[in-house]
C-alpha atoms as a PDB file:
ATOM      1  CA  MET A   1      21.282  55.103 235.191  1.00  0.00           C
ATOM      2  CA  ARG A   2      22.570  58.658 235.422  1.00  0.00           C
ATOM      3  CA  LYS A   3      23.996  59.978 238.640  1.00  0.00           C
ATOM      4  CA  SER A   4      23.557  63.583 239.740  1.00  0.00           C
ATOM      5  CA  THR A   5      26.583  65.865 239.572  1.00  0.00           C
ATOM      6  CA  ARG A   6      24.845  68.789 241.275  1.00  0.00           C
ATOM      7  CA  PHE A   7      26.493  68.302 244.659  1.00  0.00           C
ATOM      8  CA  PRO A   8      30.121  68.034 243.458  1.00  0.00           C
ATOM      9  CA  ALA A   9      29.517  70.969 241.091  1.00  0.00           C
ATOM     10  CA  ALA A  10      28.035  73.051 243.938  1.00  0.00           C
ATOM     11  CA  VAL A  11      31.069  72.313 246.132  1.00  0.00           C
ATOM     12  CA  HIS A  12      33.294  73.291 243.199  1.00  0.00           C
ATOM     13  CA  ILE A  13      31.423  76.593 242.844  1.00  0.00           C
ATOM     14  CA  MET A  14      31.576  77.318 246.554  1.00  0.00           C
ATOM     15  CA  THR A  15      35.304  76.493 246.599  1.00  0.00           C
ATOM     16  CA  MET A  16      35.915  78.948 243.768  1.00  0.00           C
ATOM     17  CA  LEU A  17      33.954  81.617 245.588  1.00  0.00           C
ATOM     18  CA  ALA A  18      35.848  80.916 248.821  1.00  0.00           C
ATOM     19  CA  ALA A  19      39.113  81.536 246.961  1.00  0.00           C
ATOM     20  CA  GLY A  20      37.698  84.654 245.311  1.00  0.00           C
ATOM     21  CA  ASP A  21      38.516  86.975 248.217  1.00  0.00           C
ATOM     22  CA  ASP A  22      34.976  88.365 248.494  1.00  0.00           C
ATOM     23  CA  GLU A  23      34.857  89.451 244.867  1.00  0.00           C
ATOM     24  CA  TYR A  24      32.075  88.635 242.454  1.00  0.00           C
ATOM     25  CA  LEU A  25      32.782  85.858 239.950  1.00  0.00           C
ATOM     26  CA  SER A  26      30.843  85.641 236.723  1.00  0.00           C
ATOM     27  CA  SER A  27      28.928  82.518 235.767  1.00  0.00           C
ATOM     28  CA  ASP A  28      31.113  82.393 232.630  1.00  0.00           C
ATOM     29  CA  VAL A  29      34.290  82.040 234.722  1.00  0.00           C
ATOM     30  CA  ILE A  30      32.667  79.428 236.956  1.00  0.00           C
ATOM     31  CA  ALA A  31      31.234  77.541 233.968  1.00  0.00           C
ATOM     32  CA  ALA A  32      34.672  77.477 232.321  1.00  0.00           C
ATOM     33  CA  SER A  33      36.172  75.939 235.445  1.00  0.00           C
ATOM     34  CA  LEU A  34      33.419  73.302 235.584  1.00  0.00           C
ATOM     35  CA  ASP A  35      33.565  72.808 231.814  1.00  0.00           C
ATOM     36  CA  THR A  36      29.797  73.169 231.612  1.00  0.00           C
ATOM     37  CA  ASN A  37      27.161  75.571 230.368  1.00  0.00           C
ATOM     38  CA  ARG A  38      26.590  78.736 232.390  1.00  0.00           C
ATOM     39  CA  VAL A  39      22.869  77.879 232.578  1.00  0.00           C
ATOM     40  CA  VAL A  40      23.805  74.841 234.694  1.00  0.00           C
ATOM     41  CA  VAL A  41      25.911  77.117 236.900  1.00  0.00           C
ATOM     42  CA  ARG A  42      23.111  79.645 237.270  1.00  0.00           C
ATOM     43  CA  ARG A  43      20.671  76.953 238.396  1.00  0.00           C
ATOM     44  CA  LEU A  44      23.092  75.798 241.070  1.00  0.00           C
ATOM     45  CA  ILE A  45      23.811  79.370 242.119  1.00  0.00           C
ATOM     46  CA  LYS A  46      20.082  79.961 242.490  1.00  0.00           C
ATOM     47  CA  ALA A  47      19.785  76.981 244.863  1.00  0.00           C
ATOM     48  CA  LEU A  48      22.873  78.088 246.811  1.00  0.00           C
ATOM     49  CA  SER A  49      21.454  81.611 247.012  1.00  0.00           C
ATOM     50  CA  GLU A  50      18.118  80.346 248.318  1.00  0.00           C
ATOM     51  CA  ALA A  51      20.069  78.535 251.051  1.00  0.00           C
ATOM     52  CA  GLY A  52      21.793  81.819 251.958  1.00  0.00           C
ATOM     53  CA  PHE A  53      25.291  80.687 250.971  1.00  0.00           C
ATOM     54  CA  VAL A  54      25.884  83.068 248.070  1.00  0.00           C
ATOM     55  CA  SER A  55      24.618  86.346 246.675  1.00  0.00           C
ATOM     56  CA  SER A  56      24.580  87.608 243.129  1.00  0.00           C
ATOM     57  CA  GLN A  57      24.770  91.023 241.567  1.00  0.00           C
ATOM     58  CA  ALA A  58      23.834  91.897 237.991  1.00  0.00           C
ATOM     59  CA  GLY A  59      25.861  94.070 235.677  1.00  0.00           C
ATOM     60  CA  VAL A  60      29.236  94.277 234.012  1.00  0.00           C
ATOM     61  CA  PHE A  61      31.099  93.912 237.299  1.00  0.00           C
ATOM     62  CA  GLY A  62      28.505  91.597 238.778  1.00  0.00           C
ATOM     63  CA  GLY A  63      28.553  87.912 239.463  1.00  0.00           C
ATOM     64  CA  THR A  64      28.299  85.749 242.536  1.00  0.00           C
ATOM     65  CA  ARG A  65      30.169  85.788 245.829  1.00  0.00           C
ATOM     66  CA  LEU A  66      30.238  83.714 248.979  1.00  0.00           C
ATOM     67  CA  GLU A  67      28.168  85.020 251.906  1.00  0.00           C
ATOM     68  CA  VAL A  68      29.239  82.495 254.547  1.00  0.00           C
ATOM     69  CA  ALA A  69      32.561  81.603 256.112  1.00  0.00           C
ATOM     70  CA  PRO A  70      33.793  78.287 254.663  1.00  0.00           C
ATOM     71  CA  LYS A  71      34.228  76.931 258.210  1.00  0.00           C
ATOM     72  CA  ASP A  72      30.555  77.635 258.946  1.00  0.00           C
ATOM     73  CA  VAL A  73      28.953  75.558 256.207  1.00  0.00           C
ATOM     74  CA  SER A  74      28.977  71.761 256.172  1.00  0.00           C
ATOM     75  CA  LEU A  75      29.066  69.648 253.072  1.00  0.00           C
ATOM     76  CA  LEU A  76      25.705  68.253 254.183  1.00  0.00           C
ATOM     77  CA  GLN A  77      24.196  71.738 254.084  1.00  0.00           C
ATOM     78  CA  ILE A  78      25.482  72.216 250.542  1.00  0.00           C
ATOM     79  CA  TYR A  79      24.209  68.768 249.569  1.00  0.00           C
ATOM     80  CA  ARG A  80      20.740  69.522 250.893  1.00  0.00           C
ATOM     81  CA  ALA A  81      20.689  72.879 249.113  1.00  0.00           C
ATOM     82  CA  VAL A  82      21.164  71.350 245.659  1.00  0.00           C
ATOM     83  CA  GLU A  83      19.901  67.758 245.828  1.00  0.00           C
ATOM     84  CA  GLU A  84      16.306  66.646 246.227  1.00  0.00           C
ATOM     85  CA  GLY A  85      14.911  63.682 248.061  1.00  0.00           C
ATOM     86  CA  SER A  86      16.575  60.483 249.061  1.00  0.00           C
ATOM     87  CA  VAL A  87      19.822  59.231 247.565  1.00  0.00           C
ATOM     88  CA  PHE A  88      18.160  55.920 246.769  1.00  0.00           C
ATOM     89  CA  ARG A  89      14.914  55.465 244.948  1.00  0.00           C
ATOM     90  CA  PHE A  90      12.920  52.267 244.746  1.00  0.00           C
ATOM     91  CA  HIS A  91      11.836  50.833 241.451  1.00  0.00           C
ATOM     92  CA  SER A  92       8.193  50.021 240.748  1.00  0.00           C
ATOM     93  CA  PRO A  93       7.892  46.251 240.450  1.00  0.00           C
ATOM     94  CA  HIS A  94       4.841  44.497 239.198  1.00  0.00           C
ATOM     95  CA  PRO A  95       2.212  44.581 241.991  1.00  0.00           C
ATOM     96  CA  ARG A  96       1.776  40.794 241.920  1.00  0.00           C
ATOM     97  CA  CYS A  97       5.484  39.988 241.972  1.00  0.00           C
ATOM     98  CA  PRO A  98       6.045  37.482 244.804  1.00  0.00           C
ATOM     99  CA  ILE A  99       9.410  38.925 245.865  1.00  0.00           C
ATOM    100  CA  ALA A 100       8.665  42.636 245.524  1.00  0.00           C
ATOM    101  CA  ASP A 101       7.550  43.093 249.138  1.00  0.00           C
ATOM    102  CA  CYS A 102      10.517  41.110 250.459  1.00  0.00           C
ATOM    103  CA  VAL A 103      13.057  43.063 248.486  1.00  0.00           C
ATOM    104  CA  THR A 104      11.497  46.405 249.362  1.00  0.00           C
ATOM    105  CA  GLU A 105      11.176  45.561 253.042  1.00  0.00           C
ATOM    106  CA  ASP A 106      14.678  44.065 253.420  1.00  0.00           C
ATOM    107  CA  LEU A 107      16.444  46.643 251.317  1.00  0.00           C
ATOM    108  CA  GLN A 108      14.710  49.713 252.719  1.00  0.00           C
ATOM    109  CA  GLN A 109      16.526  49.606 256.088  1.00  0.00           C
ATOM    110  CA  VAL A 110      19.888  48.932 254.446  1.00  0.00           C
ATOM    111  CA  LEU A 111      19.470  51.934 252.171  1.00  0.00           C
ATOM    112  CA  GLN A 112      18.288  54.165 255.023  1.00  0.00           C
ATOM    113  CA  ASP A 113      21.364  53.173 257.041  1.00  0.00           C
ATOM    114  CA  ALA A 114      23.645  53.881 254.066  1.00  0.00           C
ATOM    115  CA  GLU A 115      22.083  57.303 253.523  1.00  0.00           C
ATOM    116  CA  SER A 116      22.390  58.131 257.226  1.00  0.00           C
ATOM    117  CA  ALA A 117      26.077  57.185 257.167  1.00  0.00           C
ATOM    118  CA  MET A 118      26.658  59.393 254.130  1.00  0.00           C
ATOM    119  CA  GLU A 119      24.867  62.326 255.762  1.00  0.00           C
ATOM    120  CA  LYS A 120      26.865  61.868 258.978  1.00  0.00           C
ATOM    121  CA  LYS A 121      30.119  61.989 257.006  1.00  0.00           C
ATOM    122  CA  LEU A 122      29.045  65.063 255.023  1.00  0.00           C
ATOM    123  CA  ALA A 123      27.975  66.794 258.251  1.00  0.00           C
ATOM    124  CA  SER A 124      31.442  66.205 259.726  1.00  0.00           C
ATOM    125  CA  LYS A 125      33.209  68.101 256.914  1.00  0.00           C
ATOM    126  CA  THR A 126      33.011  71.783 256.071  1.00  0.00           C
ATOM    127  CA  LEU A 127      33.588  73.741 252.908  1.00  0.00           C
ATOM    128  CA  HIS A 128      36.866  74.853 254.483  1.00  0.00           C
ATOM    129  CA  ASP A 129      38.009  71.218 254.714  1.00  0.00           C
ATOM    130  CA  VAL A 130      37.632  70.931 250.950  1.00  0.00           C
ATOM    131  CA  ALA A 131      38.530  74.467 249.889  1.00  0.00           C
ATOM    132  CA  HIS A 132      41.684  75.120 251.876  1.00  0.00           C
ATOM    133  CA  ARG A 133      43.779  72.599 249.955  1.00  0.00           C
ATOM    134  CA  GLY A 134      43.029  74.002 246.519  1.00  0.00           C
ATOM    135  CA  SER A 135      42.782  77.650 247.530  1.00  0.00           C
ATOM    136  CA  LYS A 136      46.228  78.673 246.242  1.00  0.00           C
ATOM    137  CA  LEU A 137      45.697  76.909 242.920  1.00  0.00           C
ATOM    138  CA  MET A 138      42.207  78.373 242.613  1.00  0.00           C
ATOM    139  CA  LYS A 139      43.547  81.870 243.247  1.00  0.00           C
ATOM    140  CA  GLN A 140      46.102  81.357 240.450  1.00  0.00           C
ATOM    141  CA  PHE A 141      43.341  80.108 238.136  1.00  0.00           C
ATOM    142  CA  LEU A 142      41.167  83.118 238.921  1.00  0.00           C
ATOM    143  CA  GLN A 143      44.058  85.531 238.431  1.00  0.00           C
ATOM    144  CA  ALA A 144      44.785  83.990 235.018  1.00  0.00           C
ATOM    145  CA  LYS A 145      41.106  84.439 234.077  1.00  0.00           C
ATOM    146  CA  ARG A 146      41.273  88.132 235.069  1.00  0.00           C
ATOM    147  CA  ASP A 147      44.419  88.801 233.025  1.00  0.00           C
END
């Protein structure tokens, strides 16, 4: 079963932009840092833009930049901008399975509690909490990309 990497990648993008000193970063530079295709980056940037976290500008000197202060955006807000639905998804057992209702009923509350705990933790941390530690290294990385 594949796990989504959208949230960690979105935090990575936002951290890069936070270290970018209000300048526009190209999707090529961001994609190189994530070691992924720029199409993946552009999809995430679109979701982050729709949430009001970033803005983009076309052209040779264009790219994407951060539009919010890192202290003002929680990790939960970023998570909700790029992920859809519940963390956990129920399988579809056979309708006449004798334990299907039991498992669904018993497990549903456990999974809701786990998701609530995760959301509470993400809400307690901001982009700044993540970005401040790597800011100096990110600035060096970005400078090397410019040179």
